[in-house]
All heavy atoms as atom14 arrays in JSON, in Angstrom:
{
  "sequence": "GITSGGSANYADSVKGRFTISRDNAKNTVYLQMNSLKPEDTAVYYCHT",
  "atom14_mask": [
    [1, 1, 1, 1, 0, 0, 0, 0, 0, 0, 0, 0, 0, 0],
    [1, 1, 1, 1, 1, 1, 1, 1, 0, 0, 0, 0, 0, 0],
    [1, 1, 1, 1, 1, 1, 1, 0, 0, 0, 0, 0, 0, 0],
    [1, 1, 1, 1, 1, 1, 0, 0, 0, 0, 0, 0, 0, 0],
    [1, 1, 1, 1, 0, 0, 0, 0, 0, 0, 0, 0, 0, 0],
    [1, 1, 1, 1, 0, 0, 0, 0, 0, 0, 0, 0, 0, 0],
    [1, 1, 1, 1, 1, 1, 0, 0, 0, 0, 0, 0, 0, 0],
    [1, 1, 1, 1, 1, 0, 0, 0, 0, 0, 0, 0, 0, 0],
    [1, 1, 1, 1, 1, 1, 1, 1, 0, 0, 0, 0, 0, 0],
    [1, 1, 1, 1, 1, 1, 1, 1, 1, 1, 1, 1, 0, 0],
    [1, 1, 1, 1, 1, 0, 0, 0, 0, 0, 0, 0, 0, 0],
    [1, 1, 1, 1, 1, 1, 1, 1, 0, 0, 0, 0, 0, 0],
    [1, 1, 1, 1, 1, 1, 0, 0, 0, 0, 0, 0, 0, 0],
    [1, 1, 1, 1, 1, 1, 1, 0, 0, 0, 0, 0, 0, 0],
    [1, 1, 1, 1, 1, 1, 1, 1, 1, 0, 0, 0, 0, 0],
    [1, 1, 1, 1, 0, 0, 0, 0, 0, 0, 0, 0, 0, 0],
    [1, 1, 1, 1, 1, 1, 1, 1, 1, 1, 1, 0, 0, 0],
    [1, 1, 1, 1, 1, 1, 1, 1, 1, 1, 1, 0, 0, 0],
    [1, 1, 1, 1, 1, 1, 1, 0, 0, 0, 0, 0, 0, 0],
    [1, 1, 1, 1, 1, 1, 1, 1, 0, 0, 0, 0, 0, 0],
    [1, 1, 1, 1, 1, 1, 0, 0, 0, 0, 0, 0, 0, 0],
    [1, 1, 1, 1, 1, 1, 1, 1, 1, 1, 1, 0, 0, 0],
    [1, 1, 1, 1, 1, 1, 1, 1, 0, 0, 0, 0, 0, 0],
    [1, 1, 1, 1, 1, 1, 1, 1, 0, 0, 0, 0, 0, 0],
    [1, 1, 1, 1, 1, 0, 0, 0, 0, 0, 0, 0, 0, 0],
    [1, 1, 1, 1, 1, 1, 1, 1, 1, 0, 0, 0, 0, 0],
    [1, 1, 1, 1, 1, 1, 1, 1, 0, 0, 0, 0, 0, 0],
    [1, 1, 1, 1, 1, 1, 1, 0, 0, 0, 0, 0, 0, 0],
    [1, 1, 1, 1, 1, 1, 1, 0, 0, 0, 0, 0, 0, 0],
    [1, 1, 1, 1, 1, 1, 1, 1, 1, 1, 1, 1, 0, 0],
    [1, 1, 1, 1, 1, 1, 1, 1, 0, 0, 0, 0, 0, 0],
    [1, 1, 1, 1, 1, 1, 1, 1, 1, 0, 0, 0, 0, 0],
    [1, 1, 1, 1, 1, 1, 1, 1, 0, 0, 0, 0, 0, 0],
    [1, 1, 1, 1, 1, 1, 1, 1, 0, 0, 0, 0, 0, 0],
    [1, 1, 1, 1, 1, 1, 0, 0, 0, 0, 0, 0, 0, 0],
    [1, 1, 1, 1, 1, 1, 1, 1, 0, 0, 0, 0, 0, 0],
    [1, 1, 1, 1, 1, 1, 1, 1, 1, 0, 0, 0, 0, 0],
    [1, 1, 1, 1, 1, 1, 1, 0, 0, 0, 0, 0, 0, 0],
    [1, 1, 1, 1, 1, 1, 1, 1, 1, 0, 0, 0, 0, 0],
    [1, 1, 1, 1, 1, 1, 1, 1, 0, 0, 0, 0, 0, 0],
    [1, 1, 1, 1, 1, 1, 1, 0, 0, 0, 0, 0, 0, 0],
    [1, 1, 1, 1, 1, 0, 0, 0, 0, 0, 0, 0, 0, 0],
    [1, 1, 1, 1, 1, 1, 1, 0, 0, 0, 0, 0, 0, 0],
    [1, 1, 1, 1, 1, 1, 1, 1, 1, 1, 1, 1, 0, 0],
    [1, 1, 1, 1, 1, 1, 1, 1, 1, 1, 1, 1, 0, 0],
    [1, 1, 1, 1, 1, 1, 0, 0, 0, 0, 0, 0, 0, 0],
    [1, 1, 1, 1, 1, 1, 1, 1, 1, 1, 0, 0, 0, 0],
    [1, 1, 1, 1, 1, 1, 1, 0, 0, 0, 0, 0, 0, 0]
  ],
  "atom14_positions": [
    [[0.83, -1.19, 0.0], [0.0, 0.0, 0.0], [0.87, 1.24, 0.0], [2.03, 1.21, 0.43], [0.0, 0.0, 0.0], [0.0, 0.0, 0.0], [0.0, 0.0, 0.0], [0.0, 0.0, 0.0], [0.0, 0.0, 0.0], [0.0, 0.0, 0.0], [0.0, 0.0, 0.0], [0.0, 0.0, 0.0], [0.0, 0.0, 0.0], [0.0, 0.0, 0.0]],
    [[0.31, 2.33, -0.48], [1.04, 3.59, -0.51], [0.08, 4.73, -0.21], [-1.02, 4.79, -0.75], [1.76, 3.78, -1.87], [2.66, 5.0, -1.84], [0.76, 3.85, -3.02], [3.65, 5.05, -3.0], [0.0, 0.0, 0.0], [0.0, 0.0, 0.0], [0.0, 0.0, 0.0], [0.0, 0.0, 0.0], [0.0, 0.0, 0.0], [0.0, 0.0, 0.0]],
    [[0.51, 5.62, 0.68], [-0.33, 6.75, 1.05], [-0.23, 7.85, -0.01], [0.6, 7.79, -0.92], [0.1, 7.32, 2.4], [1.41, 7.91, 2.24], [0.13, 6.25, 3.47], [0.0, 0.0, 0.0], [0.0, 0.0, 0.0], [0.0, 0.0, 0.0], [0.0, 0.0, 0.0], [0.0, 0.0, 0.0], [0.0, 0.0, 0.0], [0.0, 0.0, 0.0]],
    [[-1.07, 8.87, 0.15], [-1.02, 9.99, -0.78], [0.34, 10.68, -0.73], [0.81, 11.22, -1.72], [-2.13, 10.99, -0.47], [-2.02, 11.46, 0.86], [0.0, 0.0, 0.0], [0.0, 0.0, 0.0], [0.0, 0.0, 0.0], [0.0, 0.0, 0.0], [0.0, 0.0, 0.0], [0.0, 0.0, 0.0], [0.0, 0.0, 0.0], [0.0, 0.0, 0.0]],
    [[0.99, 10.6, 0.42], [2.3, 11.24, 0.56], [3.46, 10.36, 0.15], [4.62, 10.8, 0.18], [0.0, 0.0, 0.0], [0.0, 0.0, 0.0], [0.0, 0.0, 0.0], [0.0, 0.0, 0.0], [0.0, 0.0, 0.0], [0.0, 0.0, 0.0], [0.0, 0.0, 0.0], [0.0, 0.0, 0.0], [0.0, 0.0, 0.0], [0.0, 0.0, 0.0]],
    [[3.16, 9.12, -0.22], [4.21, 8.24, -0.72], [4.77, 7.26, 0.29], [5.7, 6.51, -0.04], [0.0, 0.0, 0.0], [0.0, 0.0, 0.0], [0.0, 0.0, 0.0], [0.0, 0.0, 0.0], [0.0, 0.0, 0.0], [0.0, 0.0, 0.0], [0.0, 0.0, 0.0], [0.0, 0.0, 0.0], [0.0, 0.0, 0.0], [0.0, 0.0, 0.0]],
    [[4.22, 7.2, 1.48], [4.68, 6.21, 2.45], [4.13, 4.84, 2.07], [2.95, 4.71, 1.76], [4.22, 6.58, 3.85], [4.8, 7.8, 4.27], [0.0, 0.0, 0.0], [0.0, 0.0, 0.0], [0.0, 0.0, 0.0], [0.0, 0.0, 0.0], [0.0, 0.0, 0.0], [0.0, 0.0, 0.0], [0.0, 0.0, 0.0], [0.0, 0.0, 0.0]],
    [[5.0, 3.84, 2.1], [4.62, 2.5, 1.63], [4.69, 1.48, 2.75], [5.46, 1.63, 3.71], [5.54, 2.08, 0.48], [0.0, 0.0, 0.0], [0.0, 0.0, 0.0], [0.0, 0.0, 0.0], [0.0, 0.0, 0.0], [0.0, 0.0, 0.0], [0.0, 0.0, 0.0], [0.0, 0.0, 0.0], [0.0, 0.0, 0.0], [0.0, 0.0, 0.0]],
    [[3.87, 0.46, 2.62], [3.95, -0.69, 3.51], [3.8, -1.95, 2.68], [3.2, -1.91, 1.6], [2.9, -0.64, 4.62], [1.48, -0.68, 4.1], [1.0, 0.29, 3.55], [0.82, -1.83, 4.24], [0.0, 0.0, 0.0], [0.0, 0.0, 0.0], [0.0, 0.0, 0.0], [0.0, 0.0, 0.0], [0.0, 0.0, 0.0], [0.0, 0.0, 0.0]],
    [[4.35, -3.05, 3.18], [4.42, -4.28, 2.41], [4.06, -5.48, 3.26], [4.33, -5.51, 4.46], [5.82, -4.49, 1.84], [6.28, -3.4, 0.91], [7.0, -2.3, 1.4], [6.0, -3.46, -0.45], [7.41, -1.3, 0.54], [6.41, -2.45, -1.3], [7.12, -1.37, -0.8], [7.53, -0.37, -1.65], [0.0, 0.0, 0.0], [0.0, 0.0, 0.0]],
    [[3.53, -6.49, 2.6], [3.38, -7.79, 3.24], [4.77, -8.35, 3.48], [5.7, -8.12, 2.69], [2.57, -8.73, 2.37], [0.0, 0.0, 0.0], [0.0, 0.0, 0.0], [0.0, 0.0, 0.0], [0.0, 0.0, 0.0], [0.0, 0.0, 0.0], [0.0, 0.0, 0.0], [0.0, 0.0, 0.0], [0.0, 0.0, 0.0], [0.0, 0.0, 0.0]],
    [[4.94, -9.09, 4.57], [6.25, -9.65, 4.89], [6.8, -10.51, 3.76], [8.0, -10.53, 3.51], [6.16, -10.49, 6.16], [5.99, -9.64, 7.41], [6.26, -8.42, 7.35], [5.6, -10.19, 8.46], [0.0, 0.0, 0.0], [0.0, 0.0, 0.0], [0.0, 0.0, 0.0], [0.0, 0.0, 0.0], [0.0, 0.0, 0.0], [0.0, 0.0, 0.0]],
    [[5.91, -11.17, 3.05], [6.34, -12.11, 2.01], [6.97, -11.42, 0.8], [7.64, -12.08, 0.0], [5.15, -12.95, 1.54], [4.13, -12.12, 1.01], [0.0, 0.0, 0.0], [0.0, 0.0, 0.0], [0.0, 0.0, 0.0], [0.0, 0.0, 0.0], [0.0, 0.0, 0.0], [0.0, 0.0, 0.0], [0.0, 0.0, 0.0], [0.0, 0.0, 0.0]],
    [[6.75, -10.12, 0.65], [7.28, -9.42, -0.52], [8.3, -8.35, -0.18], [8.87, -7.72, -1.08], [6.15, -8.8, -1.37], [5.1, -9.85, -1.73], [5.51, -7.62, -0.66], [0.0, 0.0, 0.0], [0.0, 0.0, 0.0], [0.0, 0.0, 0.0], [0.0, 0.0, 0.0], [0.0, 0.0, 0.0], [0.0, 0.0, 0.0], [0.0, 0.0, 0.0]],
    [[8.54, -8.14, 1.09], [9.5, -7.11, 1.49], [10.87, -7.4, 0.9], [11.35, -8.53, 0.95], [9.6, -7.04, 3.03], [8.44, -6.34, 3.69], [8.61, -6.3, 5.21], [7.43, -5.6, 5.85], [7.53, -5.61, 7.34], [0.0, 0.0, 0.0], [0.0, 0.0, 0.0], [0.0, 0.0, 0.0], [0.0, 0.0, 0.0], [0.0, 0.0, 0.0]],
    [[11.46, -6.36, 0.34], [12.77, -6.51, -0.28], [12.71, -6.96, -1.72], [13.74, -6.94, -2.43], [0.0, 0.0, 0.0], [0.0, 0.0, 0.0], [0.0, 0.0, 0.0], [0.0, 0.0, 0.0], [0.0, 0.0, 0.0], [0.0, 0.0, 0.0], [0.0, 0.0, 0.0], [0.0, 0.0, 0.0], [0.0, 0.0, 0.0], [0.0, 0.0, 0.0]],
    [[11.53, -7.39, -2.18], [11.4, -7.85, -3.57], [10.46, -6.97, -4.39], [10.69, -6.77, -5.59], [10.88, -9.29, -3.6], [11.77, -10.3, -2.9], [11.29, -11.73, -3.15], [9.96, -11.98, -2.64], [8.95, -12.4, -3.38], [9.1, -12.61, -4.68], [7.76, -12.62, -2.83], [0.0, 0.0, 0.0], [0.0, 0.0, 0.0], [0.0, 0.0, 0.0]],
    [[9.43, -6.47, -3.76], [8.43, -5.64, -4.46], [8.56, -4.19, -4.01], [8.89, -3.91, -2.85], [7.01, -6.11, -4.15], [6.64, -7.45, -4.72], [7.57, -8.29, -5.33], [5.32, -7.88, -4.65], [7.21, -9.51, -5.85], [4.94, -9.11, -5.16], [5.9, -9.92, -5.76], [0.0, 0.0, 0.0], [0.0, 0.0, 0.0], [0.0, 0.0, 0.0]],
    [[8.27, -3.29, -4.93], [8.27, -1.86, -4.62], [7.02, -1.21, -5.21], [6.76, -1.35, -6.41], [9.51, -1.17, -5.19], [10.69, -1.79, -4.68], [9.51, 0.31, -4.8], [0.0, 0.0, 0.0], [0.0, 0.0, 0.0], [0.0, 0.0, 0.0], [0.0, 0.0, 0.0], [0.0, 0.0, 0.0], [0.0, 0.0, 0.0], [0.0, 0.0, 0.0]],
    [[6.28, -0.53, -4.35], [5.11, 0.2, -4.81], [5.48, 1.66, -4.96], [6.25, 2.21, -4.17], [3.91, 0.02, -3.84], [2.63, 0.6, -4.43], [4.22, 0.61, -2.47], [1.39, 0.25, -3.62], [0.0, 0.0, 0.0], [0.0, 0.0, 0.0], [0.0, 0.0, 0.0], [0.0, 0.0, 0.0], [0.0, 0.0, 0.0], [0.0, 0.0, 0.0]],
    [[4.95, 2.29, -5.99], [5.21, 3.71, -6.21], [4.0, 4.32, -6.91], [3.11, 3.61, -7.37], [6.48, 3.9, -7.06], [6.32, 3.32, -8.34], [0.0, 0.0, 0.0], [0.0, 0.0, 0.0], [0.0, 0.0, 0.0], [0.0, 0.0, 0.0], [0.0, 0.0, 0.0], [0.0, 0.0, 0.0], [0.0, 0.0, 0.0], [0.0, 0.0, 0.0]],
    [[3.99, 5.63, -6.95], [2.86, 6.3, -7.59], [3.34, 7.53, -8.33], [4.33, 8.15, -7.95], [1.8, 6.67, -6.57], [2.22, 7.68, -5.53], [1.17, 7.78, -4.42], [-0.1, 8.29, -4.91], [-1.25, 8.1, -4.27], [-1.3, 7.43, -3.14], [-2.37, 8.58, -4.78], [0.0, 0.0, 0.0], [0.0, 0.0, 0.0], [0.0, 0.0, 0.0]],
    [[2.62, 7.87, -9.38], [2.86, 9.08, -10.14], [1.55, 9.84, -10.16], [0.65, 9.52, -10.95], [3.33, 8.74, -11.56], [3.72, 9.95, -12.38], [3.22, 11.07, -12.05], [4.49, 9.81, -13.32], [0.0, 0.0, 0.0], [0.0, 0.0, 0.0], [0.0, 0.0, 0.0], [0.0, 0.0, 0.0], [0.0, 0.0, 0.0], [0.0, 0.0, 0.0]],
    [[1.42, 10.81, -9.3], [0.15, 11.54, -9.18], [-0.19, 12.31, -10.45], [-1.36, 12.52, -10.77], [0.18, 12.47, -7.98], [0.13, 11.71, -6.66], [-0.23, 10.53, -6.62], [0.52, 12.37, -5.59], [0.0, 0.0, 0.0], [0.0, 0.0, 0.0], [0.0, 0.0, 0.0], [0.0, 0.0, 0.0], [0.0, 0.0, 0.0], [0.0, 0.0, 0.0]],
    [[0.83, 12.75, -11.18], [0.58, 13.49, -12.41], [-0.07, 12.6, -13.46], [-0.82, 13.08, -14.33], [1.87, 14.08, -12.95], [0.0, 0.0, 0.0], [0.0, 0.0, 0.0], [0.0, 0.0, 0.0], [0.0, 0.0, 0.0], [0.0, 0.0, 0.0], [0.0, 0.0, 0.0], [0.0, 0.0, 0.0], [0.0, 0.0, 0.0], [0.0, 0.0, 0.0]],
    [[0.21, 11.3, -13.39], [-0.35, 10.35, -14.35], [-1.5, 9.53, -13.76], [-2.02, 8.64, -14.43], [0.75, 9.41, -14.85], [1.86, 10.08, -15.63], [2.88, 9.07, -16.12], [3.98, 9.75, -16.94], [4.99, 8.78, -17.44], [0.0, 0.0, 0.0], [0.0, 0.0, 0.0], [0.0, 0.0, 0.0], [0.0, 0.0, 0.0], [0.0, 0.0, 0.0]],
    [[-1.86, 9.82, -12.51], [-2.93, 9.04, -11.86], [-2.64, 7.54, -11.94], [-3.55, 6.74, -12.24], [-4.3, 9.35, -12.48], [-4.9, 10.63, -11.96], [-4.23, 11.4, -11.28], [-6.15, 10.89, -12.29], [0.0, 0.0, 0.0], [0.0, 0.0, 0.0], [0.0, 0.0, 0.0], [0.0, 0.0, 0.0], [0.0, 0.0, 0.0], [0.0, 0.0, 0.0]],
    [[-1.42, 7.16, -11.7], [-1.02, 5.77, -11.85], [-0.22, 5.31, -10.65], [0.61, 6.06, -10.12], [-0.19, 5.59, -13.13], [-0.96, 6.02, -14.26], [0.2, 4.13, -13.33], [0.0, 0.0, 0.0], [0.0, 0.0, 0.0], [0.0, 0.0, 0.0], [0.0, 0.0, 0.0], [0.0, 0.0, 0.0], [0.0, 0.0, 0.0], [0.0, 0.0, 0.0]],
    [[-0.49, 4.09, -10.23], [0.29, 3.45, -9.18], [0.94, 2.2, -9.79], [0.35, 1.54, -10.65], [-0.58, 3.11, -7.96], [-1.69, 2.12, -8.31], [0.26, 2.57, -6.82], [0.0, 0.0, 0.0], [0.0, 0.0, 0.0], [0.0, 0.0, 0.0], [0.0, 0.0, 0.0], [0.0, 0.0, 0.0], [0.0, 0.0, 0.0], [0.0, 0.0, 0.0]],
    [[2.14, 1.91, -9.36], [2.93, 0.82, -9.92], [3.29, -0.19, -8.84], [3.38, 0.14, -7.66], [4.22, 1.36, -10.55], [4.01, 2.42, -11.58], [4.11, 3.78, -11.25], [3.72, 2.1, -12.9], [3.91, 4.77, -12.2], [3.52, 3.08, -13.87], [3.63, 4.41, -13.51], [3.43, 5.39, -14.46], [0.0, 0.0, 0.0], [0.0, 0.0, 0.0]],
    [[3.54, -1.4, -9.29], [4.1, -2.42, -8.42], [5.24, -3.1, -9.18], [5.0, -3.85, -10.11], [3.05, -3.45, -7.99], [3.54, -4.47, -6.96], [3.82, -3.78, -5.62], [2.53, -5.6, -6.77], [0.0, 0.0, 0.0], [0.0, 0.0, 0.0], [0.0, 0.0, 0.0], [0.0, 0.0, 0.0], [0.0, 0.0, 0.0], [0.0, 0.0, 0.0]],
    [[6.46, -2.76, -8.78], [7.63, -3.41, -9.36], [7.87, -4.7, -8.6], [8.06, -4.68, -7.38], [8.85, -2.5, -9.26], [10.12, -3.11, -9.83], [10.06, -3.33, -11.32], [9.59, -2.47, -12.06], [10.53, -4.5, -11.77], [0.0, 0.0, 0.0], [0.0, 0.0, 0.0], [0.0, 0.0, 0.0], [0.0, 0.0, 0.0], [0.0, 0.0, 0.0]],
    [[7.85, -5.8, -9.32], [7.97, -7.13, -8.71], [9.26, -7.77, -9.21], [9.39, -8.08, -10.39], [6.76, -7.99, -9.1], [5.43, -7.27, -8.88], [4.04, -8.09, -9.7], [3.88, -9.54, -8.68], [0.0, 0.0, 0.0], [0.0, 0.0, 0.0], [0.0, 0.0, 0.0], [0.0, 0.0, 0.0], [0.0, 0.0, 0.0], [0.0, 0.0, 0.0]],
    [[10.21, -7.95, -8.3], [11.49, -8.56, -8.64], [11.65, -9.89, -7.9], [10.95, -10.16, -6.93], [12.64, -7.63, -8.26], [12.61, -6.32, -9.02], [12.17, -6.25, -10.16], [13.11, -5.26, -8.39], [0.0, 0.0, 0.0], [0.0, 0.0, 0.0], [0.0, 0.0, 0.0], [0.0, 0.0, 0.0], [0.0, 0.0, 0.0], [0.0, 0.0, 0.0]],
    [[12.59, -10.68, -8.37], [12.88, -11.98, -7.74], [11.6, -12.77, -7.53], [11.35, -13.3, -6.43], [13.61, -11.77, -6.41], [14.81, -11.06, -6.61], [0.0, 0.0, 0.0], [0.0, 0.0, 0.0], [0.0, 0.0, 0.0], [0.0, 0.0, 0.0], [0.0, 0.0, 0.0], [0.0, 0.0, 0.0], [0.0, 0.0, 0.0], [0.0, 0.0, 0.0]],
    [[10.8, -12.84, -8.56], [9.5, -13.49, -8.43], [9.64, -14.97, -8.13], [10.57, -15.64, -8.59], [8.68, -13.28, -9.7], [8.04, -11.88, -9.8], [7.67, -11.55, -11.24], [6.82, -11.8, -8.91], [0.0, 0.0, 0.0], [0.0, 0.0, 0.0], [0.0, 0.0, 0.0], [0.0, 0.0, 0.0], [0.0, 0.0, 0.0], [0.0, 0.0, 0.0]],
    [[8.69, -15.47, -7.33], [8.65, -16.86, -6.92], [7.35, -17.5, -7.41], [6.35, -16.8, -7.59], [8.71, -16.96, -5.4], [9.9, -16.28, -4.77], [9.82, -16.34, -3.25], [10.99, -15.64, -2.6], [10.92, -15.7, -1.11], [0.0, 0.0, 0.0], [0.0, 0.0, 0.0], [0.0, 0.0, 0.0], [0.0, 0.0, 0.0], [0.0, 0.0, 0.0]],
    [[7.34, -18.81, -7.59], [6.08, -19.46, -8.0], [4.92, -19.14, -7.06], [3.78, -19.02, -7.52], [6.45, -20.95, -7.97], [7.92, -20.96, -8.28], [8.47, -19.76, -7.59], [0.0, 0.0, 0.0], [0.0, 0.0, 0.0], [0.0, 0.0, 0.0], [0.0, 0.0, 0.0], [0.0, 0.0, 0.0], [0.0, 0.0, 0.0], [0.0, 0.0, 0.0]],
    [[5.2, -18.96, -5.78], [4.12, -18.65, -4.84], [3.58, -17.24, -4.98], [2.59, -16.89, -4.34], [4.58, -18.89, -3.4], [5.88, -18.22, -3.02], [7.07, -19.16, -3.14], [7.15, -19.9, -4.15], [7.93, -19.13, -2.24], [0.0, 0.0, 0.0], [0.0, 0.0, 0.0], [0.0, 0.0, 0.0], [0.0, 0.0, 0.0], [0.0, 0.0, 0.0]],
    [[4.2, -16.42, -5.84], [3.64, -15.09, -6.14], [2.53, -15.17, -7.19], [1.86, -14.17, -7.46], [4.73, -14.15, -6.66], [5.79, -13.85, -5.62], [5.44, -13.66, -4.44], [6.98, -13.8, -5.99], [0.0, 0.0, 0.0], [0.0, 0.0, 0.0], [0.0, 0.0, 0.0], [0.0, 0.0, 0.0], [0.0, 0.0, 0.0], [0.0, 0.0, 0.0]],
    [[2.37, -16.35, -7.79], [1.33, -16.52, -8.79], [-0.03, -16.2, -8.21], [-0.43, -16.76, -7.18], [1.34, -17.96, -9.33], [2.57, -18.19, -10.02], [0.18, -18.19, -10.29], [0.0, 0.0, 0.0], [0.0, 0.0, 0.0], [0.0, 0.0, 0.0], [0.0, 0.0, 0.0], [0.0, 0.0, 0.0], [0.0, 0.0, 0.0], [0.0, 0.0, 0.0]],
    [[-0.75, -15.28, -8.85], [-2.04, -14.82, -8.35], [-2.62, -13.81, -9.33], [-1.94, -13.36, -10.25], [-1.89, -14.16, -6.98], [0.0, 0.0, 0.0], [0.0, 0.0, 0.0], [0.0, 0.0, 0.0], [0.0, 0.0, 0.0], [0.0, 0.0, 0.0], [0.0, 0.0, 0.0], [0.0, 0.0, 0.0], [0.0, 0.0, 0.0], [0.0, 0.0, 0.0]],
    [[-3.86, -13.46, -9.1], [-4.43, -12.3, -9.75], [-4.17, -11.11, -8.83], [-4.45, -11.18, -7.63], [-5.94, -12.46, -10.01], [-6.51, -11.19, -10.65], [-6.2, -13.67, -10.91], [0.0, 0.0, 0.0], [0.0, 0.0, 0.0], [0.0, 0.0, 0.0], [0.0, 0.0, 0.0], [0.0, 0.0, 0.0], [0.0, 0.0, 0.0], [0.0, 0.0, 0.0]],
    [[-3.66, -10.05, -9.4], [-3.33, -8.86, -8.63], [-4.34, -7.75, -8.93], [-4.61, -7.45, -10.1], [-1.91, -8.4, -8.96], [-0.87, -9.28, -8.32], [-0.59, -10.54, -8.84], [-0.18, -8.88, -7.17], [0.34, -11.38, -8.25], [0.75, -9.71, -6.57], [1.01, -10.95, -7.12], [1.92, -11.78, -6.52], [0.0, 0.0, 0.0], [0.0, 0.0, 0.0]],
    [[-4.87, -7.19, -7.85], [-5.91, -6.18, -7.96], [-5.43, -4.85, -7.38], [-4.78, -4.81, -6.33], [-7.16, -6.6, -7.19], [-7.85, -7.83, -7.73], [-7.53, -9.08, -7.26], [-8.85, -7.72, -8.7], [-8.16, -10.23, -7.75], [-9.5, -8.84, -9.19], [-9.14, -10.08, -8.71], [-9.78, -11.19, -9.18], [0.0, 0.0, 0.0], [0.0, 0.0, 0.0]],
    [[-5.81, -3.8, -8.04], [-5.58, -2.44, -7.55], [-6.79, -2.02, -6.73], [-7.94, -2.37, -7.07], [-5.4, -1.53, -8.75], [-5.0, 0.18, -8.37], [0.0, 0.0, 0.0], [0.0, 0.0, 0.0], [0.0, 0.0, 0.0], [0.0, 0.0, 0.0], [0.0, 0.0, 0.0], [0.0, 0.0, 0.0], [0.0, 0.0, 0.0], [0.0, 0.0, 0.0]],
    [[-6.56, -1.28, -5.66], [-7.65, -0.91, -4.76], [-7.47, 0.5, -4.23], [-6.35, 0.97, -4.0], [-7.68, -1.87, -3.56], [-8.6, -1.45, -2.47], [-8.18, -0.69, -1.38], [-9.93, -1.65, -2.29], [-9.21, -0.46, -0.59], [-10.28, -1.04, -1.11], [0.0, 0.0, 0.0], [0.0, 0.0, 0.0], [0.0, 0.0, 0.0], [0.0, 0.0, 0.0]],
    [[-8.61, 1.16, -4.05], [-8.63, 2.4, -3.28], [-9.98, 2.49, -2.6], [-10.89, 1.71, -2.86], [-8.37, 3.63, -4.16], [-8.11, 4.77, -3.31], [-9.55, 3.94, -5.07], [0.0, 0.0, 0.0], [0.0, 0.0, 0.0], [0.0, 0.0, 0.0], [0.0, 0.0, 0.0], [0.0, 0.0, 0.0], [0.0, 0.0, 0.0], [0.0, 0.0, 0.0]]
  ]
}
């Protein structure tokens, strides 16, 4: 998750591998997923 001010929090399982960021000018939020594991397989949903 990421606040309007850019503070982020992560599930323990993805800490150090995933990075959430946002570009308010583009109304877009990103999730950079690195070092992916088979257990990361899922449908990923954006929420507000």
